[in-house]
PDB file of N, CA and C in Angstrom:
ATOM      1  N   MET A   1     -20.050 166.622  93.749  1.00  0.00           N
ATOM      2  CA  MET A   1     -20.473 165.842  94.666  1.00  0.00           C
ATOM      3  C   MET A   1     -19.434 165.295  95.858  1.00  0.00           C
ATOM      4  N   LYS A   2     -20.050 165.353  97.263  1.00  0.00           N
ATOM      5  CA  LYS A   2     -19.318 165.171  97.985  1.00  0.00           C
ATOM      6  C   LYS A   2     -18.816 163.298  98.377  1.00  0.00           C
ATOM      7  N   THR A   3     -17.968 163.368  98.842  1.00  0.00           N
ATOM      8  CA  THR A   3     -17.331 161.811  98.743  1.00  0.00           C
ATOM      9  C   THR A   3     -18.203 160.851  99.397  1.00  0.00           C
ATOM     10  N   SER A   4     -18.820 161.549 100.797  1.00  0.00           N
ATOM     11  CA  SER A   4     -19.577 160.333 101.335  1.00  0.00           C
ATOM     12  C   SER A   4     -20.871 160.098 100.380  1.00  0.00           C
ATOM     13  N   LEU A   5     -21.360 161.111  99.560  1.00  0.00           N
ATOM     14  CA  LEU A   5     -22.557 160.734  98.783  1.00  0.00           C
ATOM     15  C   LEU A   5     -21.927 159.734  97.509  1.00  0.00           C
ATOM     16  N   LYS A   6     -20.924 159.806  97.092  1.00  0.00           N
ATOM     17  CA  LYS A   6     -20.346 159.128  95.823  1.00  0.00           C
ATOM     18  C   LYS A   6     -20.365 157.876  96.759  1.00  0.00           C
ATOM     19  N   LEU A   7     -19.588 157.746  97.894  1.00  0.00           N
ATOM     20  CA  LEU A   7     -19.563 156.155  98.455  1.00  0.00           C
ATOM     21  C   LEU A   7     -20.963 155.624  98.644  1.00  0.00           C
ATOM     22  N   ALA A   8     -21.933 156.415  99.111  1.00  0.00           N
ATOM     23  CA  ALA A   8     -23.229 155.848  99.291  1.00  0.00           C
ATOM     24  C   ALA A   8     -23.653 155.216  98.061  1.00  0.00           C
ATOM     25  N   THR A   9     -23.550 156.109  97.049  1.00  0.00           N
ATOM     26  CA  THR A   9     -23.951 155.852  95.574  1.00  0.00           C
ATOM     27  C   THR A   9     -23.379 154.422  95.464  1.00  0.00           C
ATOM     28  N   LEU A  10     -22.150 154.381  95.498  1.00  0.00           N
ATOM     29  CA  LEU A  10     -21.291 153.202  94.783  1.00  0.00           C
ATOM     30  C   LEU A  10     -21.583 152.199  95.696  1.00  0.00           C
ATOM     31  N   ALA A  11     -21.886 152.179  97.096  1.00  0.00           N
ATOM     32  CA  ALA A  11     -22.224 150.929  97.774  1.00  0.00           C
ATOM     33  C   ALA A  11     -23.192 150.333  97.451  1.00  0.00           C
ATOM     34  N   ALA A  12     -24.479 151.555  97.329  1.00  0.00           N
ATOM     35  CA  ALA A  12     -25.507 151.022  96.829  1.00  0.00           C
ATOM     36  C   ALA A  12     -25.877 150.021  95.504  1.00  0.00           C
ATOM     37  N   SER A  13     -25.000 150.673  94.440  1.00  0.00           N
ATOM     38  CA  SER A  13     -25.019 150.004  92.983  1.00  0.00           C
ATOM     39  C   SER A  13     -24.217 148.703  93.384  1.00  0.00           C
ATOM     40  N   LEU A  14     -23.180 148.569  94.368  1.00  0.00           N
ATOM     41  CA  LEU A  14     -22.542 147.527  94.236  1.00  0.00           C
ATOM     42  C   LEU A  14     -23.348 146.372  95.024  1.00  0.00           C
ATOM     43  N   ALA A  15     -24.353 146.859  96.017  1.00  0.00           N
ATOM     44  CA  ALA A  15     -25.075 145.999  96.834  1.00  0.00           C
ATOM     45  C   ALA A  15     -26.140 145.326  95.700  1.00  0.00           C
ATOM     46  N   LEU A  16     -26.963 146.255  94.842  1.00  0.00           N
ATOM     47  CA  LEU A  16     -27.580 146.089  93.942  1.00  0.00           C
ATOM     48  C   LEU A  16     -26.883 144.725  92.773  1.00  0.00           C
ATOM     49  N   THR A  17     -25.726 145.108  92.567  1.00  0.00           N
ATOM     50  CA  THR A  17     -24.937 144.133  91.587  1.00  0.00           C
ATOM     51  C   THR A  17     -24.770 143.004  92.189  1.00  0.00           C
ATOM     52  N   LEU A  18     -24.405 142.742  93.836  1.00  0.00           N
ATOM     53  CA  LEU A  18     -24.124 141.507  94.499  1.00  0.00           C
ATOM     54  C   LEU A  18     -25.461 140.917  94.451  1.00  0.00           C
ATOM     55  N   THR A  19     -26.600 141.446  94.259  1.00  0.00           N
ATOM     56  CA  THR A  19     -27.855 140.511  94.409  1.00  0.00           C
ATOM     57  C   THR A  19     -28.202 140.001  92.986  1.00  0.00           C
ATOM     58  N   THR A  20     -27.619 140.426  91.760  1.00  0.00           N
ATOM     59  CA  THR A  20     -27.990 140.192  90.362  1.00  0.00           C
ATOM     60  C   THR A  20     -26.597 139.113  89.900  1.00  0.00           C
ATOM     61  N   LEU A  21     -25.656 139.105  90.418  1.00  0.00           N
ATOM     62  CA  LEU A  21     -24.380 138.177  89.897  1.00  0.00           C
ATOM     63  C   LEU A  21     -24.882 136.974  89.728  1.00  0.00           C
ATOM     64  N   PRO A  22     -24.243 136.218  88.792  1.00  0.00           N
ATOM     65  CA  PRO A  22     -24.458 134.714  88.606  1.00  0.00           C
ATOM     66  C   PRO A  22     -23.898 133.960  89.956  1.00  0.00           C
ATOM     67  N   ALA A  23     -24.534 132.689  89.858  1.00  0.00           N
ATOM     68  CA  ALA A  23     -24.322 131.697  91.432  1.00  0.00           C
ATOM     69  C   ALA A  23     -22.625 131.844  91.543  1.00  0.00           C
ATOM     70  N   GLN A  24     -21.815 131.925  90.948  1.00  0.00           N
ATOM     71  CA  GLN A  24     -20.429 131.880  91.249  1.00  0.00           C
ATOM     72  C   GLN A  24     -20.058 133.057  92.238  1.00  0.00           C
ATOM     73  N   ALA A  25     -20.689 134.009  92.053  1.00  0.00           N
ATOM     74  CA  ALA A  25     -20.598 135.441  92.872  1.00  0.00           C
ATOM     75  C   ALA A  25     -20.897 135.359  93.981  1.00  0.00           C
ATOM     76  N   GLY A  26     -22.444 134.520  94.143  1.00  0.00           N
ATOM     77  CA  GLY A  26     -22.854 134.257  95.290  1.00  0.00           C
ATOM     78  C   GLY A  26     -22.153 133.190  96.182  1.00  0.00           C
ATOM     79  N   ALA A  27     -21.221 132.174  95.595  1.00  0.00           N
ATOM     80  CA  ALA A  27     -20.541 131.529  96.313  1.00  0.00           C
ATOM     81  C   ALA A  27     -19.255 132.326  96.737  1.00  0.00           C
ATOM     82  N   VAL A  28     -18.879 133.298  96.184  1.00  0.00           N
ATOM     83  CA  VAL A  28     -17.724 134.193  96.936  1.00  0.00           C
ATOM     84  C   VAL A  28     -18.162 134.860  97.821  1.00  0.00           C
ATOM     85  N   LEU A  29     -19.615 135.598  97.829  1.00  0.00           N
ATOM     86  CA  LEU A  29     -19.972 136.208  99.126  1.00  0.00           C
ATOM     87  C   LEU A  29     -20.317 135.287 100.377  1.00  0.00           C
ATOM     88  N   ASP A  30     -20.841 134.409 100.042  1.00  0.00           N
ATOM     89  CA  ASP A  30     -20.966 133.360 101.019  1.00  0.00           C
ATOM     90  C   ASP A  30     -19.758 133.049 101.694  1.00  0.00           C
ATOM     91  N   ARG A  31     -18.490 132.800 100.978  1.00  0.00           N
ATOM     92  CA  ARG A  31     -17.240 132.287 101.550  1.00  0.00           C
ATOM     93  C   ARG A  31     -16.887 133.572 102.421  1.00  0.00           C
ATOM     94  N   VAL A  32     -17.038 134.750 101.744  1.00  0.00           N
ATOM     95  CA  VAL A  32     -16.602 136.069 102.787  1.00  0.00           C
ATOM     96  C   VAL A  32     -17.416 136.117 103.755  1.00  0.00           C
ATOM     97  N   VAL A  33     -18.760 136.017 103.935  1.00  0.00           N
ATOM     98  CA  VAL A  33     -19.225 136.134 105.002  1.00  0.00           C
ATOM     99  C   VAL A  33     -18.999 135.248 106.069  1.00  0.00           C
ATOM    100  N   ALA A  34     -18.877 133.867 105.790  1.00  0.00           N
ATOM    101  CA  ALA A  34     -18.780 132.442 106.527  1.00  0.00           C
ATOM    102  C   ALA A  34     -17.216 133.253 107.259  1.00  0.00           C
ATOM    103  N   ALA A  35     -16.378 133.552 106.534  1.00  0.00           N
ATOM    104  CA  ALA A  35     -14.831 133.661 106.877  1.00  0.00           C
ATOM    105  C   ALA A  35     -14.931 135.150 107.877  1.00  0.00           C
ATOM    106  N   GLY A  36     -15.928 135.696 107.458  1.00  0.00           N
ATOM    107  CA  GLY A  36     -15.913 137.175 108.361  1.00  0.00           C
ATOM    108  C   GLY A  36     -14.739 138.381 107.666  1.00  0.00           C
ATOM    109  N   THR A  37     -14.226 137.973 106.800  1.00  0.00           N
ATOM    110  CA  THR A  37     -13.077 138.653 105.995  1.00  0.00           C
ATOM    111  C   THR A  37     -13.586 138.620 104.486  1.00  0.00           C
ATOM    112  N   LEU A  38     -13.047 139.896 104.282  1.00  0.00           N
ATOM    113  CA  LEU A  38     -13.096 140.262 102.621  1.00  0.00           C
ATOM    114  C   LEU A  38     -11.842 140.657 102.248  1.00  0.00           C
ATOM    115  N   LYS A  39     -11.126 139.861 101.663  1.00  0.00           N
ATOM    116  CA  LYS A  39      -9.727 139.831 101.024  1.00  0.00           C
ATOM    117  C   LYS A  39      -9.732 140.898  99.699  1.00  0.00           C
ATOM    118  N   VAL A  40      -9.065 141.739 100.006  1.00  0.00           N
ATOM    119  CA  VAL A  40      -9.205 143.033  98.810  1.00  0.00           C
ATOM    120  C   VAL A  40      -7.563 143.084  97.951  1.00  0.00           C
ATOM    121  N   ALA A  41      -7.538 142.872  96.859  1.00  0.00           N
ATOM    122  CA  ALA A  41      -6.290 143.300  96.167  1.00  0.00           C
ATOM    123  C   ALA A  41      -6.181 144.558  95.733  1.00  0.00           C
ATOM    124  N   THR A  42      -5.165 145.403  96.100  1.00  0.00           N
ATOM    125  CA  THR A  42      -4.917 146.566  95.333  1.00  0.00           C
ATOM    126  C   THR A  42      -3.621 147.075  95.068  1.00  0.00           C
ATOM    127  N   ASP A  43      -3.425 147.866  93.991  1.00  0.00           N
ATOM    128  CA  ASP A  43      -2.190 148.635  93.572  1.00  0.00           C
ATOM    129  C   ASP A  43      -1.904 149.616  94.767  1.00  0.00           C
ATOM    130  N   ALA A  44      -0.653 149.679  95.760  1.00  0.00           N
ATOM    131  CA  ALA A  44      -0.589 150.657  96.555  1.00  0.00           C
ATOM    132  C   ALA A  44       0.255 151.996  96.013  1.00  0.00           C
ATOM    133  N   ASN A  45       0.599 152.082  94.793  1.00  0.00           N
ATOM    134  CA  ASN A  45       1.283 153.076  94.140  1.00  0.00           C
ATOM    135  C   ASN A  45       0.326 153.864  92.998  1.00  0.00           C
ATOM    136  N   TRP A  46      -0.883 153.869  93.250  1.00  0.00           N
ATOM    137  CA  TRP A  46      -1.858 154.743  92.502  1.00  0.00           C
ATOM    138  C   TRP A  46      -2.549 155.802  92.914  1.00  0.00           C
ATOM    139  N   ALA A  47      -1.890 156.854  93.441  1.00  0.00           N
ATOM    140  CA  ALA A  47      -2.527 158.036  94.237  1.00  0.00           C
ATOM    141  C   ALA A  47      -3.430 158.493  93.088  1.00  0.00           C
ATOM    142  N   PRO A  48      -4.666 159.157  93.653  1.00  0.00           N
ATOM    143  CA  PRO A  48      -5.073 159.245  94.753  1.00  0.00           C
ATOM    144  C   PRO A  48      -6.227 157.722  95.013  1.00  0.00           C
ATOM    145  N   GLN A  49      -6.198 156.874  94.237  1.00  0.00           N
ATOM    146  CA  GLN A  49      -7.190 156.034  94.361  1.00  0.00           C
ATOM    147  C   GLN A  49      -6.733 155.033  95.206  1.00  0.00           C
ATOM    148  N   SER A  50      -5.432 154.394  95.228  1.00  0.00           N
ATOM    149  CA  SER A  50      -4.598 153.765  96.271  1.00  0.00           C
ATOM    150  C   SER A  50      -3.325 154.103  96.539  1.00  0.00           C
ATOM    151  N   PHE A  51      -2.859 154.504  97.665  1.00  0.00           N
ATOM    152  CA  PHE A  51      -1.416 154.679  98.123  1.00  0.00           C
ATOM    153  C   PHE A  51      -1.141 154.595  99.508  1.00  0.00           C
ATOM    154  N   LEU A  52       0.109 154.451  99.863  1.00  0.00           N
ATOM    155  CA  LEU A  52       0.543 154.380 101.268  1.00  0.00           C
ATOM    156  C   LEU A  52       0.749 156.078 101.831  1.00  0.00           C
ATOM    157  N   ASN A  53      -0.151 156.322 102.852  1.00  0.00           N
ATOM    158  CA  ASN A  53      -0.029 157.822 103.331  1.00  0.00           C
ATOM    159  C   ASN A  53       1.105 157.615 104.146  1.00  0.00           C
ATOM    160  N   ALA A  54       1.387 158.990 104.852  1.00  0.00           N
ATOM    161  CA  ALA A  54       2.401 159.244 105.456  1.00  0.00           C
ATOM    162  C   ALA A  54       2.674 158.439 106.823  1.00  0.00           C
ATOM    163  N   SER A  55       1.606 157.637 106.999  1.00  0.00           N
ATOM    164  CA  SER A  55       1.442 156.732 108.509  1.00  0.00           C
ATOM    165  C   SER A  55       1.780 155.406 107.846  1.00  0.00           C
ATOM    166  N   ASN A  56       2.066 155.348 106.613  1.00  0.00           N
ATOM    167  CA  ASN A  56       2.316 153.685 105.933  1.00  0.00           C
ATOM    168  C   ASN A  56       1.060 152.949 105.881  1.00  0.00           C
ATOM    169  N   GLU A  57       0.237 153.454 105.950  1.00  0.00           N
ATOM    170  CA  GLU A  57      -1.034 152.922 105.900  1.00  0.00           C
ATOM    171  C   GLU A  57      -1.848 152.966 104.386  1.00  0.00           C
ATOM    172  N   LEU A  58      -2.546 151.935 104.189  1.00  0.00           N
ATOM    173  CA  LEU A  58      -3.271 152.173 102.698  1.00  0.00           C
ATOM    174  C   LEU A  58      -4.271 153.420 102.859  1.00  0.00           C
ATOM    175  N   ASP A  59      -4.513 154.101 102.023  1.00  0.00           N
ATOM    176  CA  ASP A  59      -5.647 155.161 101.868  1.00  0.00           C
ATOM    177  C   ASP A  59      -5.770 155.578 100.592  1.00  0.00           C
ATOM    178  N   GLY A  60      -6.766 156.239 100.444  1.00  0.00           N
ATOM    179  CA  GLY A  60      -7.347 156.674  98.870  1.00  0.00           C
ATOM    180  C   GLY A  60      -8.827 156.122  98.679  1.00  0.00           C
ATOM    181  N   PHE A  61      -9.370 156.715  97.511  1.00  0.00           N
ATOM    182  CA  PHE A  61     -10.694 156.402  97.196  1.00  0.00           C
ATOM    183  C   PHE A  61     -11.061 154.885  97.000  1.00  0.00           C
ATOM    184  N   ASP A  62     -10.276 154.209  96.551  1.00  0.00           N
ATOM    185  CA  ASP A  62     -10.550 152.786  96.369  1.00  0.00           C
ATOM    186  C   ASP A  62     -10.424 152.069  97.660  1.00  0.00           C
ATOM    187  N   ILE A  63      -9.618 152.626  98.589  1.00  0.00           N
ATOM    188  CA  ILE A  63      -9.379 151.861  99.887  1.00  0.00           C
ATOM    189  C   ILE A  63     -10.764 152.284 100.756  1.00  0.00           C
ATOM    190  N   ASP A  64     -11.266 153.522 100.491  1.00  0.00           N
ATOM    191  CA  ASP A  64     -12.468 153.813 101.091  1.00  0.00           C
ATOM    192  C   ASP A  64     -13.754 152.945 100.528  1.00  0.00           C
ATOM    193  N   VAL A  65     -13.646 152.930  99.258  1.00  0.00           N
ATOM    194  CA  VAL A  65     -14.803 151.857  98.706  1.00  0.00           C
ATOM    195  C   VAL A  65     -14.979 150.494  99.167  1.00  0.00           C
ATOM    196  N   ALA A  66     -13.804 149.913  99.273  1.00  0.00           N
ATOM    197  CA  ALA A  66     -13.541 148.572  99.671  1.00  0.00           C
ATOM    198  C   ALA A  66     -14.009 148.372 101.389  1.00  0.00           C
ATOM    199  N   LYS A  67     -13.490 149.497 102.110  1.00  0.00           N
ATOM    200  CA  LYS A  67     -13.959 149.420 103.227  1.00  0.00           C
ATOM    201  C   LYS A  67     -15.514 149.615 103.662  1.00  0.00           C
ATOM    202  N   GLU A  68     -16.127 150.374 103.128  1.00  0.00           N
ATOM    203  CA  GLU A  68     -17.482 150.683 102.714  1.00  0.00           C
ATOM    204  C   GLU A  68     -18.175 149.290 102.409  1.00  0.00           C
ATOM    205  N   ILE A  69     -17.586 148.625 101.548  1.00  0.00           N
ATOM    206  CA  ILE A  69     -18.293 147.302 101.078  1.00  0.00           C
ATOM    207  C   ILE A  69     -18.371 146.567 102.105  1.00  0.00           C
ATOM    208  N   GLY A  70     -17.106 146.302 102.657  1.00  0.00           N
ATOM    209  CA  GLY A  70     -16.920 145.376 103.950  1.00  0.00           C
ATOM    210  C   GLY A  70     -17.788 145.681 105.097  1.00  0.00           C
ATOM    211  N   LYS A  71     -17.734 146.999 105.366  1.00  0.00           N
ATOM    212  CA  LYS A  71     -18.931 147.709 106.447  1.00  0.00           C
ATOM    213  C   LYS A  71     -20.332 147.000 105.966  1.00  0.00           C
ATOM    214  N   ARG A  72     -20.785 147.322 104.888  1.00  0.00           N
ATOM    215  CA  ARG A  72     -22.192 147.141 104.404  1.00  0.00           C
ATOM    216  C   ARG A  72     -22.498 145.624 104.404  1.00  0.00           C
ATOM    217  N   ILE A  73     -21.460 144.815 104.084  1.00  0.00           N
ATOM    218  CA  ILE A  73     -21.731 143.286 104.307  1.00  0.00           C
ATOM    219  C   ILE A  73     -21.427 142.598 105.812  1.00  0.00           C
ATOM    220  N   GLY A  74     -20.843 143.503 106.535  1.00  0.00           N
ATOM    221  CA  GLY A  74     -20.633 143.091 108.029  1.00  0.00           C
ATOM    222  C   GLY A  74     -19.580 142.137 108.065  1.00  0.00           C
ATOM    223  N   VAL A  75     -18.511 142.635 107.479  1.00  0.00           N
ATOM    224  CA  VAL A  75     -17.160 141.736 107.683  1.00  0.00           C
ATOM    225  C   VAL A  75     -16.059 142.634 107.472  1.00  0.00           C
ATOM    226  N   LYS A  76     -14.703 142.282 108.086  1.00  0.00           N
ATOM    227  CA  LYS A  76     -13.548 143.224 108.018  1.00  0.00           C
ATOM    228  C   LYS A  76     -13.051 143.183 106.577  1.00  0.00           C
ATOM    229  N   VAL A  77     -12.085 144.331 106.254  1.00  0.00           N
ATOM    230  CA  VAL A  77     -11.484 144.217 105.104  1.00  0.00           C
ATOM    231  C   VAL A  77     -10.107 143.911 105.401  1.00  0.00           C
ATOM    232  N   GLU A  78      -9.577 143.182 104.622  1.00  0.00           N
ATOM    233  CA  GLU A  78      -7.922 142.626 104.544  1.00  0.00           C
ATOM    234  C   GLU A  78      -7.371 143.014 103.422  1.00  0.00           C
ATOM    235  N   PHE A  79      -6.324 143.921 103.241  1.00  0.00           N
ATOM    236  CA  PHE A  79      -5.873 144.199 102.113  1.00  0.00           C
ATOM    237  C   PHE A  79      -4.679 143.523 101.711  1.00  0.00           C
ATOM    238  N   VAL A  80      -4.147 143.265 100.308  1.00  0.00           N
ATOM    239  CA  VAL A  80      -3.105 142.720 100.042  1.00  0.00           C
ATOM    240  C   VAL A  80      -2.724 143.427  98.635  1.00  0.00           C
ATOM    241  N   THR A  81      -1.298 143.455  98.704  1.00  0.00           N
ATOM    242  CA  THR A  81      -0.882 144.523  97.715  1.00  0.00           C
ATOM    243  C   THR A  81       0.116 143.840  96.636  1.00  0.00           C
ATOM    244  N   PRO A  82      -0.218 143.137  95.915  1.00  0.00           N
ATOM    245  CA  PRO A  82       0.453 142.067  94.718  1.00  0.00           C
ATOM    246  C   PRO A  82       0.728 143.093  93.553  1.00  0.00           C
ATOM    247  N   GLY A  83       1.956 142.721  92.926  1.00  0.00           N
ATOM    248  CA  GLY A  83       2.248 143.672  91.865  1.00  0.00           C
ATOM    249  C   GLY A  83       1.103 143.541  90.922  1.00  0.00           C
ATOM    250  N   TRP A  84       1.294 144.589  89.788  1.00  0.00           N
ATOM    251  CA  TRP A  84       0.290 144.725  88.914  1.00  0.00           C
ATOM    252  C   TRP A  84       0.361 143.580  88.024  1.00  0.00           C
ATOM    253  N   ASP A  85       1.717 143.019  87.816  1.00  0.00           N
ATOM    254  CA  ASP A  85       1.586 141.770  86.799  1.00  0.00           C
ATOM    255  C   ASP A  85       1.051 140.539  87.422  1.00  0.00           C
ATOM    256  N   ILE A  86       1.133 140.536  88.664  1.00  0.00           N
ATOM    257  CA  ILE A  86       0.210 139.452  89.472  1.00  0.00           C
ATOM    258  C   ILE A  86      -1.398 139.745  89.447  1.00  0.00           C
ATOM    259  N   ILE A  87      -1.633 140.822  89.677  1.00  0.00           N
ATOM    260  CA  ILE A  87      -3.129 140.977  89.681  1.00  0.00           C
ATOM    261  C   ILE A  87      -3.639 140.672  88.191  1.00  0.00           C
ATOM    262  N   THR A  88      -3.110 141.260  87.079  1.00  0.00           N
ATOM    263  CA  THR A  88      -3.458 141.149  85.756  1.00  0.00           C
ATOM    264  C   THR A  88      -3.382 139.968  85.272  1.00  0.00           C
ATOM    265  N   ALA A  89      -2.697 138.915  85.761  1.00  0.00           N
ATOM    266  CA  ALA A  89      -2.152 137.591  85.253  1.00  0.00           C
ATOM    267  C   ALA A  89      -3.580 136.851  85.494  1.00  0.00           C
ATOM    268  N   GLY A  90      -4.461 137.056  86.238  1.00  0.00           N
ATOM    269  CA  GLY A  90      -5.643 136.167  86.398  1.00  0.00           C
ATOM    270  C   GLY A  90      -5.723 134.687  86.911  1.00  0.00           C
ATOM    271  N   ASN A  91      -4.334 134.552  87.441  1.00  0.00           N
ATOM    272  CA  ASN A  91      -4.149 133.223  88.042  1.00  0.00           C
ATOM    273  C   ASN A  91      -4.154 133.235  89.565  1.00  0.00           C
ATOM    274  N   TRP A  92      -5.263 133.800  90.050  1.00  0.00           N
ATOM    275  CA  TRP A  92      -5.184 134.178  91.419  1.00  0.00           C
ATOM    276  C   TRP A  92      -6.323 133.686  92.223  1.00  0.00           C
ATOM    277  N   VAL A  93      -7.180 132.932  91.669  1.00  0.00           N
ATOM    278  CA  VAL A  93      -8.265 132.185  92.235  1.00  0.00           C
ATOM    279  C   VAL A  93      -7.905 131.875  93.776  1.00  0.00           C
ATOM    280  N   GLY A  94      -8.709 132.179  94.949  1.00  0.00           N
ATOM    281  CA  GLY A  94      -8.537 132.146  96.202  1.00  0.00           C
ATOM    282  C   GLY A  94      -7.504 132.844  97.116  1.00  0.00           C
ATOM    283  N   ARG A  95      -6.534 133.676  96.260  1.00  0.00           N
ATOM    284  CA  ARG A  95      -5.506 134.526  96.813  1.00  0.00           C
ATOM    285  C   ARG A  95      -6.098 135.842  97.440  1.00  0.00           C
ATOM    286  N   TRP A  96      -7.163 136.318  96.896  1.00  0.00           N
ATOM    287  CA  TRP A  96      -8.124 137.411  97.379  1.00  0.00           C
ATOM    288  C   TRP A  96      -9.506 137.453  96.584  1.00  0.00           C
ATOM    289  N   ASP A  97     -10.321 138.197  97.474  1.00  0.00           N
ATOM    290  CA  ASP A  97     -11.827 137.810  97.015  1.00  0.00           C
ATOM    291  C   ASP A  97     -12.147 138.696  95.737  1.00  0.00           C
ATOM    292  N   MET A  98     -11.612 140.080  95.874  1.00  0.00           N
ATOM    293  CA  MET A  98     -11.945 141.032  94.915  1.00  0.00           C
ATOM    294  C   MET A  98     -10.947 142.062  94.814  1.00  0.00           C
ATOM    295  N   HIS A  99     -10.852 142.828  93.774  1.00  0.00           N
ATOM    296  CA  HIS A  99      -9.679 143.929  93.419  1.00  0.00           C
ATOM    297  C   HIS A  99     -10.445 145.075  93.343  1.00  0.00           C
ATOM    298  N   VAL A 100      -9.822 146.180  93.729  1.00  0.00           N
ATOM    299  CA  VAL A 100     -10.407 147.641  93.550  1.00  0.00           C
ATOM    300  C   VAL A 100      -9.012 148.152  92.962  1.00  0.00           C
ATOM    301  N   GLY A 101      -9.375 149.035  92.246  1.00  0.00           N
ATOM    302  CA  GLY A 101      -8.196 149.731  91.567  1.00  0.00           C
ATOM    303  C   GLY A 101      -8.760 150.385  89.953  1.00  0.00           C
ATOM    304  N   SER A 102      -7.804 151.062  89.414  1.00  0.00           N
ATOM    305  CA  SER A 102      -8.134 151.762  88.528  1.00  0.00           C
ATOM    306  C   SER A 102      -7.798 150.841  87.222  1.00  0.00           C
ATOM    307  N   MET A 103      -8.859 150.230  86.670  1.00  0.00           N
ATOM    308  CA  MET A 103      -8.560 149.171  85.649  1.00  0.00           C
ATOM    309  C   MET A 103      -9.433 149.450  84.745  1.00  0.00           C
ATOM    310  N   THR A 104      -9.066 149.895  83.517  1.00  0.00           N
ATOM    311  CA  THR A 104     -10.433 150.136  82.543  1.00  0.00           C
ATOM    312  C   THR A 104     -10.600 148.873  81.813  1.00  0.00           C
ATOM    313  N   PRO A 105     -11.909 148.532  81.818  1.00  0.00           N
ATOM    314  CA  PRO A 105     -12.574 147.216  81.158  1.00  0.00           C
ATOM    315  C   PRO A 105     -12.335 147.254  79.624  1.00  0.00           C
ATOM    316  N   THR A 106     -11.472 146.063  79.214  1.00  0.00           N
ATOM    317  CA  THR A 106     -11.444 146.169  77.989  1.00  0.00           C
ATOM    318  C   THR A 106     -11.609 144.650  77.231  1.00  0.00           C
ATOM    319  N   LYS A 107     -11.526 144.478  75.817  1.00  0.00           N
ATOM    320  CA  LYS A 107     -11.980 143.053  75.670  1.00  0.00           C
ATOM    321  C   LYS A 107     -10.960 141.877  76.114  1.00  0.00           C
ATOM    322  N   LYS A 108      -9.663 142.222  76.095  1.00  0.00           N
ATOM    323  CA  LYS A 108      -8.637 141.586  76.554  1.00  0.00           C
ATOM    324  C   LYS A 108      -8.706 141.180  78.029  1.00  0.00           C
ATOM    325  N   ARG A 109      -9.044 142.283  78.751  1.00  0.00           N
ATOM    326  CA  ARG A 109      -9.089 142.001  80.122  1.00  0.00           C
ATOM    327  C   ARG A 109     -10.406 141.245  80.742  1.00  0.00           C
ATOM    328  N   ALA A 110     -11.337 141.608  79.784  1.00  0.00           N
ATOM    329  CA  ALA A 110     -12.671 140.618  80.155  1.00  0.00           C
ATOM    330  C   ALA A 110     -12.504 139.138  80.008  1.00  0.00           C
ATOM    331  N   GLU A 111     -11.615 138.803  79.263  1.00  0.00           N
ATOM    332  CA  GLU A 111     -11.255 137.342  79.042  1.00  0.00           C
ATOM    333  C   GLU A 111     -10.670 136.859  80.443  1.00  0.00           C
ATOM    334  N   ILE A 112     -10.088 137.484  81.295  1.00  0.00           N
ATOM    335  CA  ILE A 112      -9.571 137.068  82.589  1.00  0.00           C
ATOM    336  C   ILE A 112     -10.684 137.617  83.731  1.00  0.00           C
ATOM    337  N   PHE A 113     -11.091 139.036  83.585  1.00  0.00           N
ATOM    338  CA  PHE A 113     -11.598 139.522  84.692  1.00  0.00           C
ATOM    339  C   PHE A 113     -13.561 139.576  84.577  1.00  0.00           C
ATOM    340  N   ASP A 114     -13.899 139.672  85.762  1.00  0.00           N
ATOM    341  CA  ASP A 114     -15.406 139.978  85.484  1.00  0.00           C
ATOM    342  C   ASP A 114     -15.344 141.393  85.910  1.00  0.00           C
ATOM    343  N   PHE A 115     -16.172 142.364  85.401  1.00  0.00           N
ATOM    344  CA  PHE A 115     -16.166 143.577  85.709  1.00  0.00           C
ATOM    345  C   PHE A 115     -17.875 144.008  85.875  1.00  0.00           C
ATOM    346  N   PRO A 116     -18.290 143.462  87.194  1.00  0.00           N
ATOM    347  CA  PRO A 116     -19.616 143.604  87.527  1.00  0.00           C
ATOM    348  C   PRO A 116     -19.800 145.114  87.934  1.00  0.00           C
ATOM    349  N   ALA A 117     -19.096 146.016  88.160  1.00  0.00           N
ATOM    350  CA  ALA A 117     -19.516 147.302  88.698  1.00  0.00           C
ATOM    351  C   ALA A 117     -18.258 148.160  88.518  1.00  0.00           C
ATOM    352  N   VAL A 118     -18.274 149.156  87.287  1.00  0.00           N
ATOM    353  CA  VAL A 118     -17.328 150.157  87.183  1.00  0.00           C
ATOM    354  C   VAL A 118     -17.839 151.442  88.040  1.00  0.00           C
ATOM    355  N   TYR A 119     -17.061 151.711  89.149  1.00  0.00           N
ATOM    356  CA  TYR A 119     -17.442 152.616  89.607  1.00  0.00           C
ATOM    357  C   TYR A 119     -17.013 154.262  89.525  1.00  0.00           C
ATOM    358  N   TYR A 120     -16.027 154.373  88.559  1.00  0.00           N
ATOM    359  CA  TYR A 120     -15.624 155.764  88.167  1.00  0.00           C
ATOM    360  C   TYR A 120     -15.067 155.822  86.909  1.00  0.00           C
TER     361      TYR A 120
END
């Protein structure tokens, strides 16, 4: 399957997910749209999902996914790259709006995170 088709399928499923999430997600979406920026946390050391390319810019599948989500909701995307220990600590409310990355949903992680859409 071509990358563009995968991204289109992913974006469609995420858009559907956004329309069915609880009120809390609606508040996040409202805040993102009002700010005009989607803050996305990712780990920059997990090629090919997310990594720094030769131009020292974030690149990879997860980066493409986040950019497509931003495009589809009409906002710019700002990436932040906290350490994995900070990402998984769960004490980051307000520091970023969403995380993209290779994280397998587990019962323990579900105590901290919502996993509304697993895209691969």
